[in-house]
Amino acid sequence: MKEIVSVAVVGAGAIGASIAVRLKDAGKQVIISANGERKDRYLKQGFVVNGQQHFLPVRDQQEAAPVDLIIVAVKNYSLEEAIEEMRPYINANTIILSL
């Protein structure tokens, strides 16, 4: 199995942001998928995880490229939107993990 290097996180709430920061700290190339106001807010304010502020790359669908792993960390009523959001990150080898 190929090593996972690049990761996109769809849903950067408490769980998604925590996992994204841990993966970044483990040396993975992590991006947060977000559009519009959420993207602007994440770029300006970053994410607070365990009391520390972290800044991660944020990409929208127009800037997306396929990744090795997509982590979907959204509530069930947001899954349809998340599926559309993650399409540009998927290729034949992409693994999708829904939390």
PDB file of N, CA and C in Angstrom:
ATOM      1  N   MET A   1       0.840  -1.181   0.000  1.00  0.00           N
ATOM      2  CA  MET A   1       0.000   0.000   0.000  1.00  0.00           C
ATOM      3  C   MET A   1       0.884   1.244   0.000  1.00  0.00           C
ATOM      4  N   LYS A   2       0.480   2.220  -0.757  1.00  0.00           N
ATOM      5  CA  LYS A   2       1.212   3.472  -0.879  1.00  0.00           C
ATOM      6  C   LYS A   2       1.128   4.282   0.419  1.00  0.00           C
ATOM      7  N   GLU A   3       2.220   4.955   0.754  1.00  0.00           N
ATOM      8  CA  GLU A   3       2.215   5.817   1.936  1.00  0.00           C
ATOM      9  C   GLU A   3       1.302   7.015   1.703  1.00  0.00           C
ATOM     10  N   ILE A   4       0.566   7.377   2.739  1.00  0.00           N
ATOM     11  CA  ILE A   4      -0.300   8.555   2.670  1.00  0.00           C
ATOM     12  C   ILE A   4       0.541   9.785   2.981  1.00  0.00           C
ATOM     13  N   VAL A   5       0.600  10.689   2.021  1.00  0.00           N
ATOM     14  CA  VAL A   5       1.380  11.912   2.180  1.00  0.00           C
ATOM     15  C   VAL A   5       0.468  13.130   2.233  1.00  0.00           C
ATOM     16  N   SER A   6      -0.475  13.211   1.308  1.00  0.00           N
ATOM     17  CA  SER A   6      -1.339  14.391   1.214  1.00  0.00           C
ATOM     18  C   SER A   6      -2.741  14.072   1.724  1.00  0.00           C
ATOM     19  N   VAL A   7      -3.276  15.017   2.517  1.00  0.00           N
ATOM     20  CA  VAL A   7      -4.573  14.814   3.161  1.00  0.00           C
ATOM     21  C   VAL A   7      -5.409  16.077   3.009  1.00  0.00           C
ATOM     22  N   ALA A   8      -6.668  15.897   2.636  1.00  0.00           N
ATOM     23  CA  ALA A   8      -7.633  17.001   2.633  1.00  0.00           C
ATOM     24  C   ALA A   8      -8.663  16.716   3.716  1.00  0.00           C
ATOM     25  N   VAL A   9      -8.984  17.729   4.499  1.00  0.00           N
ATOM     26  CA  VAL A   9     -10.003  17.598   5.537  1.00  0.00           C
ATOM     27  C   VAL A   9     -11.221  18.406   5.111  1.00  0.00           C
ATOM     28  N   VAL A  10     -12.356  17.725   5.033  1.00  0.00           N
ATOM     29  CA  VAL A  10     -13.633  18.362   4.718  1.00  0.00           C
ATOM     30  C   VAL A  10     -14.431  18.384   6.014  1.00  0.00           C
ATOM     31  N   GLY A  11     -14.621  19.571   6.556  1.00  0.00           N
ATOM     32  CA  GLY A  11     -15.298  19.709   7.842  1.00  0.00           C
ATOM     33  C   GLY A  11     -14.287  20.022   8.927  1.00  0.00           C
ATOM     34  N   ALA A  12     -13.959  21.290   9.084  1.00  0.00           N
ATOM     35  CA  ALA A  12     -12.902  21.695  10.010  1.00  0.00           C
ATOM     36  C   ALA A  12     -13.469  22.213  11.325  1.00  0.00           C
ATOM     37  N   GLY A  13     -14.412  21.472  11.886  1.00  0.00           N
ATOM     38  CA  GLY A  13     -14.898  21.791  13.224  1.00  0.00           C
ATOM     39  C   GLY A  13     -13.915  21.260  14.254  1.00  0.00           C
ATOM     40  N   ALA A  14     -14.385  20.996  15.442  1.00  0.00           N
ATOM     41  CA  ALA A  14     -13.504  20.541  16.518  1.00  0.00           C
ATOM     42  C   ALA A  14     -12.776  19.251  16.150  1.00  0.00           C
ATOM     43  N   ILE A  15     -13.475  18.292  15.600  1.00  0.00           N
ATOM     44  CA  ILE A  15     -12.851  17.010  15.271  1.00  0.00           C
ATOM     45  C   ILE A  15     -11.950  17.142  14.048  1.00  0.00           C
ATOM     46  N   GLY A  16     -12.456  17.721  12.972  1.00  0.00           N
ATOM     47  CA  GLY A  16     -11.667  17.855  11.757  1.00  0.00           C
ATOM     48  C   GLY A  16     -10.398  18.666  11.962  1.00  0.00           C
ATOM     49  N   ALA A  17     -10.497  19.781  12.679  1.00  0.00           N
ATOM     50  CA  ALA A  17      -9.322  20.622  12.932  1.00  0.00           C
ATOM     51  C   ALA A  17      -8.310  19.894  13.811  1.00  0.00           C
ATOM     52  N   SER A  18      -8.776  19.181  14.832  1.00  0.00           N
ATOM     53  CA  SER A  18      -7.862  18.439  15.713  1.00  0.00           C
ATOM     54  C   SER A  18      -7.079  17.391  14.935  1.00  0.00           C
ATOM     55  N   ILE A  19      -7.772  16.645  14.098  1.00  0.00           N
ATOM     56  CA  ILE A  19      -7.103  15.618  13.300  1.00  0.00           C
ATOM     57  C   ILE A  19      -6.150  16.256  12.299  1.00  0.00           C
ATOM     58  N   ALA A  20      -6.562  17.345  11.676  1.00  0.00           N
ATOM     59  CA  ALA A  20      -5.700  18.033  10.709  1.00  0.00           C
ATOM     60  C   ALA A  20      -4.396  18.484  11.357  1.00  0.00           C
ATOM     61  N   VAL A  21      -4.479  19.060  12.542  1.00  0.00           N
ATOM     62  CA  VAL A  21      -3.274  19.529  13.240  1.00  0.00           C
ATOM     63  C   VAL A  21      -2.373  18.350  13.598  1.00  0.00           C
ATOM     64  N   ARG A  22      -2.948  17.266  14.083  1.00  0.00           N
ATOM     65  CA  ARG A  22      -2.136  16.089  14.433  1.00  0.00           C
ATOM     66  C   ARG A  22      -1.432  15.516  13.203  1.00  0.00           C
ATOM     67  N   LEU A  23      -2.134  15.449  12.094  1.00  0.00           N
ATOM     68  CA  LEU A  23      -1.517  14.943  10.872  1.00  0.00           C
ATOM     69  C   LEU A  23      -0.415  15.873  10.375  1.00  0.00           C
ATOM     70  N   LYS A  24      -0.655  17.176  10.461  1.00  0.00           N
ATOM     71  CA  LYS A  24       0.382  18.142  10.069  1.00  0.00           C
ATOM     72  C   LYS A  24       1.619  17.963  10.944  1.00  0.00           C
ATOM     73  N   ASP A  25       1.402  17.816  12.249  1.00  0.00           N
ATOM     74  CA  ASP A  25       2.519  17.618  13.176  1.00  0.00           C
ATOM     75  C   ASP A  25       3.267  16.313  12.904  1.00  0.00           C
ATOM     76  N   ALA A  26       2.580  15.346  12.295  1.00  0.00           N
ATOM     77  CA  ALA A  26       3.201  14.067  11.946  1.00  0.00           C
ATOM     78  C   ALA A  26       3.902  14.121  10.586  1.00  0.00           C
ATOM     79  N   GLY A  27       3.914  15.302   9.970  1.00  0.00           N
ATOM     80  CA  GLY A  27       4.643  15.476   8.725  1.00  0.00           C
ATOM     81  C   GLY A  27       3.833  15.299   7.454  1.00  0.00           C
ATOM     82  N   LYS A  28       2.530  15.182   7.577  1.00  0.00           N
ATOM     83  CA  LYS A  28       1.694  15.037   6.387  1.00  0.00           C
ATOM     84  C   LYS A  28       1.399  16.406   5.775  1.00  0.00           C
ATOM     85  N   GLN A  29       1.140  16.425   4.483  1.00  0.00           N
ATOM     86  CA  GLN A  29       0.735  17.647   3.780  1.00  0.00           C
ATOM     87  C   GLN A  29      -0.776  17.760   3.907  1.00  0.00           C
ATOM     88  N   VAL A  30      -1.229  18.631   4.793  1.00  0.00           N
ATOM     89  CA  VAL A  30      -2.649  18.728   5.116  1.00  0.00           C
ATOM     90  C   VAL A  30      -3.216  20.035   4.581  1.00  0.00           C
ATOM     91  N   ILE A  31      -4.377  19.935   3.968  1.00  0.00           N
ATOM     92  CA  ILE A  31      -5.119  21.133   3.582  1.00  0.00           C
ATOM     93  C   ILE A  31      -6.542  21.007   4.111  1.00  0.00           C
ATOM     94  N   ILE A  32      -7.123  22.156   4.370  1.00  0.00           N
ATOM     95  CA  ILE A  32      -8.520  22.234   4.776  1.00  0.00           C
ATOM     96  C   ILE A  32      -9.318  22.668   3.549  1.00  0.00           C
ATOM     97  N   SER A  33     -10.399  21.974   3.270  1.00  0.00           N
ATOM     98  CA  SER A  33     -11.272  22.353   2.164  1.00  0.00           C
ATOM     99  C   SER A  33     -12.356  23.281   2.693  1.00  0.00           C
ATOM    100  N   ALA A  34     -12.439  24.479   2.129  1.00  0.00           N
ATOM    101  CA  ALA A  34     -13.465  25.445   2.551  1.00  0.00           C
ATOM    102  C   ALA A  34     -13.678  26.464   1.444  1.00  0.00           C
ATOM    103  N   ASN A  35     -14.878  27.015   1.409  1.00  0.00           N
ATOM    104  CA  ASN A  35     -15.252  28.012   0.408  1.00  0.00           C
ATOM    105  C   ASN A  35     -15.755  29.281   1.075  1.00  0.00           C
ATOM    106  N   GLY A  36     -15.738  30.375   0.319  1.00  0.00           N
ATOM    107  CA  GLY A  36     -16.385  31.620   0.728  1.00  0.00           C
ATOM    108  C   GLY A  36     -15.948  32.172   2.066  1.00  0.00           C
ATOM    109  N   GLU A  37     -16.933  32.512   2.892  1.00  0.00           N
ATOM    110  CA  GLU A  37     -16.658  33.141   4.183  1.00  0.00           C
ATOM    111  C   GLU A  37     -15.872  32.226   5.112  1.00  0.00           C
ATOM    112  N   ARG A  38     -16.176  30.921   5.072  1.00  0.00           N
ATOM    113  CA  ARG A  38     -15.420  29.992   5.922  1.00  0.00           C
ATOM    114  C   ARG A  38     -13.946  30.004   5.542  1.00  0.00           C
ATOM    115  N   LYS A  39     -13.652  29.991   4.260  1.00  0.00           N
ATOM    116  CA  LYS A  39     -12.260  30.021   3.814  1.00  0.00           C
ATOM    117  C   LYS A  39     -11.575  31.287   4.311  1.00  0.00           C
ATOM    118  N   ASP A  40     -12.219  32.434   4.128  1.00  0.00           N
ATOM    119  CA  ASP A  40     -11.643  33.705   4.585  1.00  0.00           C
ATOM    120  C   ASP A  40     -11.396  33.692   6.088  1.00  0.00           C
ATOM    121  N   ARG A  41     -12.363  33.194   6.848  1.00  0.00           N
ATOM    122  CA  ARG A  41     -12.231  33.153   8.311  1.00  0.00           C
ATOM    123  C   ARG A  41     -11.081  32.237   8.733  1.00  0.00           C
ATOM    124  N   TYR A  42     -10.995  31.053   8.120  1.00  0.00           N
ATOM    125  CA  TYR A  42      -9.926  30.118   8.472  1.00  0.00           C
ATOM    126  C   TYR A  42      -8.552  30.697   8.141  1.00  0.00           C
ATOM    127  N   LEU A  43      -8.451  31.389   7.012  1.00  0.00           N
ATOM    128  CA  LEU A  43      -7.167  31.982   6.639  1.00  0.00           C
ATOM    129  C   LEU A  43      -6.760  33.100   7.590  1.00  0.00           C
ATOM    130  N   LYS A  44      -7.723  33.888   8.058  1.00  0.00           N
ATOM    131  CA  LYS A  44      -7.423  35.007   8.959  1.00  0.00           C
ATOM    132  C   LYS A  44      -7.233  34.568  10.400  1.00  0.00           C
ATOM    133  N   GLN A  45      -8.112  33.684  10.883  1.00  0.00           N
ATOM    134  CA  GLN A  45      -8.120  33.336  12.302  1.00  0.00           C
ATOM    135  C   GLN A  45      -7.429  32.018  12.626  1.00  0.00           C
ATOM    136  N   GLY A  46      -7.256  31.167  11.639  1.00  0.00           N
ATOM    137  CA  GLY A  46      -6.673  29.858  11.901  1.00  0.00           C
ATOM    138  C   GLY A  46      -7.627  28.990  12.702  1.00  0.00           C
ATOM    139  N   PHE A  47      -7.048  28.044  13.424  1.00  0.00           N
ATOM    140  CA  PHE A  47      -7.815  27.086  14.214  1.00  0.00           C
ATOM    141  C   PHE A  47      -7.206  27.010  15.603  1.00  0.00           C
ATOM    142  N   VAL A  48      -8.041  26.937  16.611  1.00  0.00           N
ATOM    143  CA  VAL A  48      -7.554  26.765  17.979  1.00  0.00           C
ATOM    144  C   VAL A  48      -7.796  25.315  18.370  1.00  0.00           C
ATOM    145  N   VAL A  49      -6.699  24.613  18.656  1.00  0.00           N
ATOM    146  CA  VAL A  49      -6.757  23.214  19.066  1.00  0.00           C
ATOM    147  C   VAL A  49      -5.964  23.084  20.351  1.00  0.00           C
ATOM    148  N   ASN A  50      -6.618  22.600  21.387  1.00  0.00           N
ATOM    149  CA  ASN A  50      -5.988  22.463  22.705  1.00  0.00           C
ATOM    150  C   ASN A  50      -5.360  23.771  23.171  1.00  0.00           C
ATOM    151  N   GLY A  51      -6.057  24.863  22.941  1.00  0.00           N
ATOM    152  CA  GLY A  51      -5.616  26.166  23.420  1.00  0.00           C
ATOM    153  C   GLY A  51      -4.526  26.824  22.595  1.00  0.00           C
ATOM    154  N   GLN A  52      -4.106  26.203  21.508  1.00  0.00           N
ATOM    155  CA  GLN A  52      -3.053  26.775  20.666  1.00  0.00           C
ATOM    156  C   GLN A  52      -3.615  27.088  19.284  1.00  0.00           C
ATOM    157  N   GLN A  53      -3.177  28.216  18.746  1.00  0.00           N
ATOM    158  CA  GLN A  53      -3.637  28.625  17.423  1.00  0.00           C
ATOM    159  C   GLN A  53      -2.760  27.982  16.353  1.00  0.00           C
ATOM    160  N   HIS A  54      -3.407  27.463  15.327  1.00  0.00           N
ATOM    161  CA  HIS A  54      -2.709  26.811  14.215  1.00  0.00           C
ATOM    162  C   HIS A  54      -3.225  27.382  12.901  1.00  0.00           C
ATOM    163  N   PHE A  55      -2.326  27.552  11.962  1.00  0.00           N
ATOM    164  CA  PHE A  55      -2.709  27.978  10.618  1.00  0.00           C
ATOM    165  C   PHE A  55      -2.377  26.849   9.650  1.00  0.00           C
ATOM    166  N   LEU A  56      -3.367  26.458   8.900  1.00  0.00           N
ATOM    167  CA  LEU A  56      -3.219  25.389   7.916  1.00  0.00           C
ATOM    168  C   LEU A  56      -3.600  25.927   6.542  1.00  0.00           C
ATOM    169  N   PRO A  57      -3.054  25.358   5.483  1.00  0.00           N
ATOM    170  CA  PRO A  57      -3.471  25.776   4.148  1.00  0.00           C
ATOM    171  C   PRO A  57      -4.966  25.503   3.949  1.00  0.00           C
ATOM    172  N   VAL A  58      -5.652  26.443   3.342  1.00  0.00           N
ATOM    173  CA  VAL A  58      -7.083  26.313   3.064  1.00  0.00           C
ATOM    174  C   VAL A  58      -7.278  26.463   1.561  1.00  0.00           C
ATOM    175  N   ARG A  59      -7.985  25.519   0.958  1.00  0.00           N
ATOM    176  CA  ARG A  59      -8.214  25.540  -0.486  1.00  0.00           C
ATOM    177  C   ARG A  59      -9.710  25.425  -0.762  1.00  0.00           C
ATOM    178  N   ASP A  60     -10.138  26.071  -1.832  1.00  0.00           N
ATOM    179  CA  ASP A  60     -11.517  25.868  -2.276  1.00  0.00           C
ATOM    180  C   ASP A  60     -11.496  24.897  -3.457  1.00  0.00           C
ATOM    181  N   GLN A  61     -12.651  24.610  -4.010  1.00  0.00           N
ATOM    182  CA  GLN A  61     -12.746  23.613  -5.078  1.00  0.00           C
ATOM    183  C   GLN A  61     -11.959  23.998  -6.326  1.00  0.00           C
ATOM    184  N   GLN A  62     -11.852  25.282  -6.610  1.00  0.00           N
ATOM    185  CA  GLN A  62     -11.108  25.716  -7.792  1.00  0.00           C
ATOM    186  C   GLN A  62      -9.603  25.507  -7.621  1.00  0.00           C
ATOM    187  N   GLU A  63      -9.125  25.458  -6.395  1.00  0.00           N
ATOM    188  CA  GLU A  63      -7.695  25.283  -6.122  1.00  0.00           C
ATOM    189  C   GLU A  63      -7.341  23.833  -5.797  1.00  0.00           C
ATOM    190  N   ALA A  64      -8.321  22.965  -5.769  1.00  0.00           N
ATOM    191  CA  ALA A  64      -8.132  21.590  -5.316  1.00  0.00           C
ATOM    192  C   ALA A  64      -7.347  20.754  -6.315  1.00  0.00           C
ATOM    193  N   ALA A  65      -6.628  19.785  -5.774  1.00  0.00           N
ATOM    194  CA  ALA A  65      -5.936  18.774  -6.564  1.00  0.00           C
ATOM    195  C   ALA A  65      -6.104  17.444  -5.826  1.00  0.00           C
ATOM    196  N   PRO A  66      -6.022  16.331  -6.535  1.00  0.00           N
ATOM    197  CA  PRO A  66      -6.201  15.041  -5.871  1.00  0.00           C
ATOM    198  C   PRO A  66      -5.213  14.828  -4.723  1.00  0.00           C
ATOM    199  N   VAL A  67      -5.694  14.151  -3.684  1.00  0.00           N
ATOM    200  CA  VAL A  67      -4.888  13.842  -2.500  1.00  0.00           C
ATOM    201  C   VAL A  67      -4.939  12.338  -2.243  1.00  0.00           C
ATOM    202  N   ASP A  68      -4.067  11.886  -1.334  1.00  0.00           N
ATOM    203  CA  ASP A  68      -4.031  10.467  -0.977  1.00  0.00           C
ATOM    204  C   ASP A  68      -5.197  10.071  -0.073  1.00  0.00           C
ATOM    205  N   LEU A  69      -5.584  10.991   0.822  1.00  0.00           N
ATOM    206  CA  LEU A  69      -6.616  10.693   1.815  1.00  0.00           C
ATOM    207  C   LEU A  69      -7.521  11.902   2.003  1.00  0.00           C
ATOM    208  N   ILE A  70      -8.819  11.662   2.023  1.00  0.00           N
ATOM    209  CA  ILE A  70      -9.787  12.699   2.383  1.00  0.00           C
ATOM    210  C   ILE A  70     -10.437  12.272   3.686  1.00  0.00           C
ATOM    211  N   ILE A  71     -10.410  13.157   4.669  1.00  0.00           N
ATOM    212  CA  ILE A  71     -11.101  12.917   5.932  1.00  0.00           C
ATOM    213  C   ILE A  71     -12.355  13.768   5.928  1.00  0.00           C
ATOM    214  N   VAL A  72     -13.489  13.118   6.052  1.00  0.00           N
ATOM    215  CA  VAL A  72     -14.779  13.802   6.057  1.00  0.00           C
ATOM    216  C   VAL A  72     -15.256  13.857   7.507  1.00  0.00           C
ATOM    217  N   ALA A  73     -15.297  15.066   8.059  1.00  0.00           N
ATOM    218  CA  ALA A  73     -15.662  15.247   9.467  1.00  0.00           C
ATOM    219  C   ALA A  73     -16.841  16.208   9.563  1.00  0.00           C
ATOM    220  N   VAL A  74     -17.948  15.797   8.966  1.00  0.00           N
ATOM    221  CA  VAL A  74     -19.155  16.628   8.992  1.00  0.00           C
ATOM    222  C   VAL A  74     -20.303  15.830   9.601  1.00  0.00           C
ATOM    223  N   LYS A  75     -21.301  16.545  10.045  1.00  0.00           N
ATOM    224  CA  LYS A  75     -22.502  15.889  10.565  1.00  0.00           C
ATOM    225  C   LYS A  75     -23.294  15.293   9.395  1.00  0.00           C
ATOM    226  N   ASN A  76     -24.129  14.309   9.706  1.00  0.00           N
ATOM    227  CA  ASN A  76     -24.813  13.571   8.642  1.00  0.00           C
ATOM    228  C   ASN A  76     -25.661  14.458   7.733  1.00  0.00           C
ATOM    229  N   TYR A  77     -26.234  15.528   8.254  1.00  0.00           N
ATOM    230  CA  TYR A  77     -27.063  16.385   7.409  1.00  0.00           C
ATOM    231  C   TYR A  77     -26.239  17.246   6.456  1.00  0.00           C
ATOM    232  N   SER A  78     -24.920  17.222   6.585  1.00  0.00           N
ATOM    233  CA  SER A  78     -24.038  17.976   5.681  1.00  0.00           C
ATOM    234  C   SER A  78     -23.308  17.078   4.685  1.00  0.00           C
ATOM    235  N   LEU A  79     -23.612  15.800   4.678  1.00  0.00           N
ATOM    236  CA  LEU A  79     -22.874  14.866   3.822  1.00  0.00           C
ATOM    237  C   LEU A  79     -23.035  15.143   2.331  1.00  0.00           C
ATOM    238  N   GLU A  80     -24.224  15.486   1.890  1.00  0.00           N
ATOM    239  CA  GLU A  80     -24.418  15.759   0.461  1.00  0.00           C
ATOM    240  C   GLU A  80     -23.515  16.890  -0.012  1.00  0.00           C
ATOM    241  N   GLU A  81     -23.485  17.969   0.754  1.00  0.00           N
ATOM    242  CA  GLU A  81     -22.622  19.104   0.419  1.00  0.00           C
ATOM    243  C   GLU A  81     -21.155  18.698   0.476  1.00  0.00           C
ATOM    244  N   ALA A  82     -20.784  17.895   1.464  1.00  0.00           N
ATOM    245  CA  ALA A  82     -19.395  17.448   1.604  1.00  0.00           C
ATOM    246  C   ALA A  82     -18.966  16.595   0.412  1.00  0.00           C
ATOM    247  N   ILE A  83     -19.864  15.766  -0.074  1.00  0.00           N
ATOM    248  CA  ILE A  83     -19.543  14.926  -1.235  1.00  0.00           C
ATOM    249  C   ILE A  83     -19.212  15.792  -2.444  1.00  0.00           C
ATOM    250  N   GLU A  84     -20.006  16.809  -2.684  1.00  0.00           N
ATOM    251  CA  GLU A  84     -19.732  17.717  -3.803  1.00  0.00           C
ATOM    252  C   GLU A  84     -18.425  18.470  -3.586  1.00  0.00           C
ATOM    253  N   GLU A  85     -18.173  18.875  -2.343  1.00  0.00           N
ATOM    254  CA  GLU A  85     -16.970  19.647  -2.028  1.00  0.00           C
ATOM    255  C   GLU A  85     -15.702  18.834  -2.245  1.00  0.00           C
ATOM    256  N   MET A  86     -15.755  17.534  -1.983  1.00  0.00           N
ATOM    257  CA  MET A  86     -14.529  16.741  -2.053  1.00  0.00           C
ATOM    258  C   MET A  86     -14.245  16.158  -3.434  1.00  0.00           C
ATOM    259  N   ARG A  87     -15.174  16.243  -4.366  1.00  0.00           N
ATOM    260  CA  ARG A  87     -14.970  15.653  -5.699  1.00  0.00           C
ATOM    261  C   ARG A  87     -13.633  16.035  -6.345  1.00  0.00           C
ATOM    262  N   PRO A  88     -13.210  17.308  -6.322  1.00  0.00           N
ATOM    263  CA  PRO A  88     -11.948  17.669  -6.986  1.00  0.00           C
ATOM    264  C   PRO A  88     -10.696  17.071  -6.330  1.00  0.00           C
ATOM    265  N   TYR A  89     -10.830  16.554  -5.111  1.00  0.00           N
ATOM    266  CA  TYR A  89      -9.687  15.979  -4.400  1.00  0.00           C
ATOM    267  C   TYR A  89      -9.516  14.486  -4.677  1.00  0.00           C
ATOM    268  N   ILE A  90     -10.427  13.902  -5.436  1.00  0.00           N
ATOM    269  CA  ILE A  90     -10.464  12.448  -5.609  1.00  0.00           C
ATOM    270  C   ILE A  90      -9.840  12.030  -6.938  1.00  0.00           C
ATOM    271  N   ASN A  91      -9.019  10.973  -6.863  1.00  0.00           N
ATOM    272  CA  ASN A  91      -8.591  10.264  -8.068  1.00  0.00           C
ATOM    273  C   ASN A  91      -8.783   8.770  -7.803  1.00  0.00           C
ATOM    274  N   ALA A  92      -8.301   7.933  -8.680  1.00  0.00           N
ATOM    275  CA  ALA A  92      -8.543   6.492  -8.563  1.00  0.00           C
ATOM    276  C   ALA A  92      -7.928   5.881  -7.307  1.00  0.00           C
ATOM    277  N   ASN A  93      -6.927   6.530  -6.724  1.00  0.00           N
ATOM    278  CA  ASN A  93      -6.229   5.975  -5.563  1.00  0.00           C
ATOM    279  C   ASN A  93      -6.569   6.663  -4.249  1.00  0.00           C
ATOM    280  N   THR A  94      -7.453   7.632  -4.262  1.00  0.00           N
ATOM    281  CA  THR A  94      -7.781   8.379  -3.052  1.00  0.00           C
ATOM    282  C   THR A  94      -8.601   7.520  -2.092  1.00  0.00           C
ATOM    283  N   ILE A  95      -8.206   7.554  -0.831  1.00  0.00           N
ATOM    284  CA  ILE A  95      -8.946   6.884   0.240  1.00  0.00           C
ATOM    285  C   ILE A  95      -9.848   7.927   0.881  1.00  0.00           C
ATOM    286  N   ILE A  96     -11.089   7.559   1.161  1.00  0.00           N
ATOM    287  CA  ILE A  96     -12.028   8.466   1.826  1.00  0.00           C
ATOM    288  C   ILE A  96     -12.385   7.868   3.179  1.00  0.00           C
ATOM    289  N   LEU A  97     -12.151   8.643   4.234  1.00  0.00           N
ATOM    290  CA  LEU A  97     -12.452   8.224   5.602  1.00  0.00           C
ATOM    291  C   LEU A  97     -13.498   9.165   6.165  1.00  0.00           C
ATOM    292  N   SER A  98     -14.659   8.628   6.489  1.00  0.00           N
ATOM    293  CA  SER A  98     -15.731   9.435   7.065  1.00  0.00           C
ATOM    294  C   SER A  98     -15.779   9.179   8.560  1.00  0.00           C
ATOM    295  N   LEU A  99     -15.759  10.267   9.329  1.00  0.00           N
ATOM    296  CA  LEU A  99     -15.794  10.131  10.793  1.00  0.00           C
ATOM    297  C   LEU A  99     -17.175  10.397  11.322  1.00  0.00           C
TER     298      LEU A  99
END
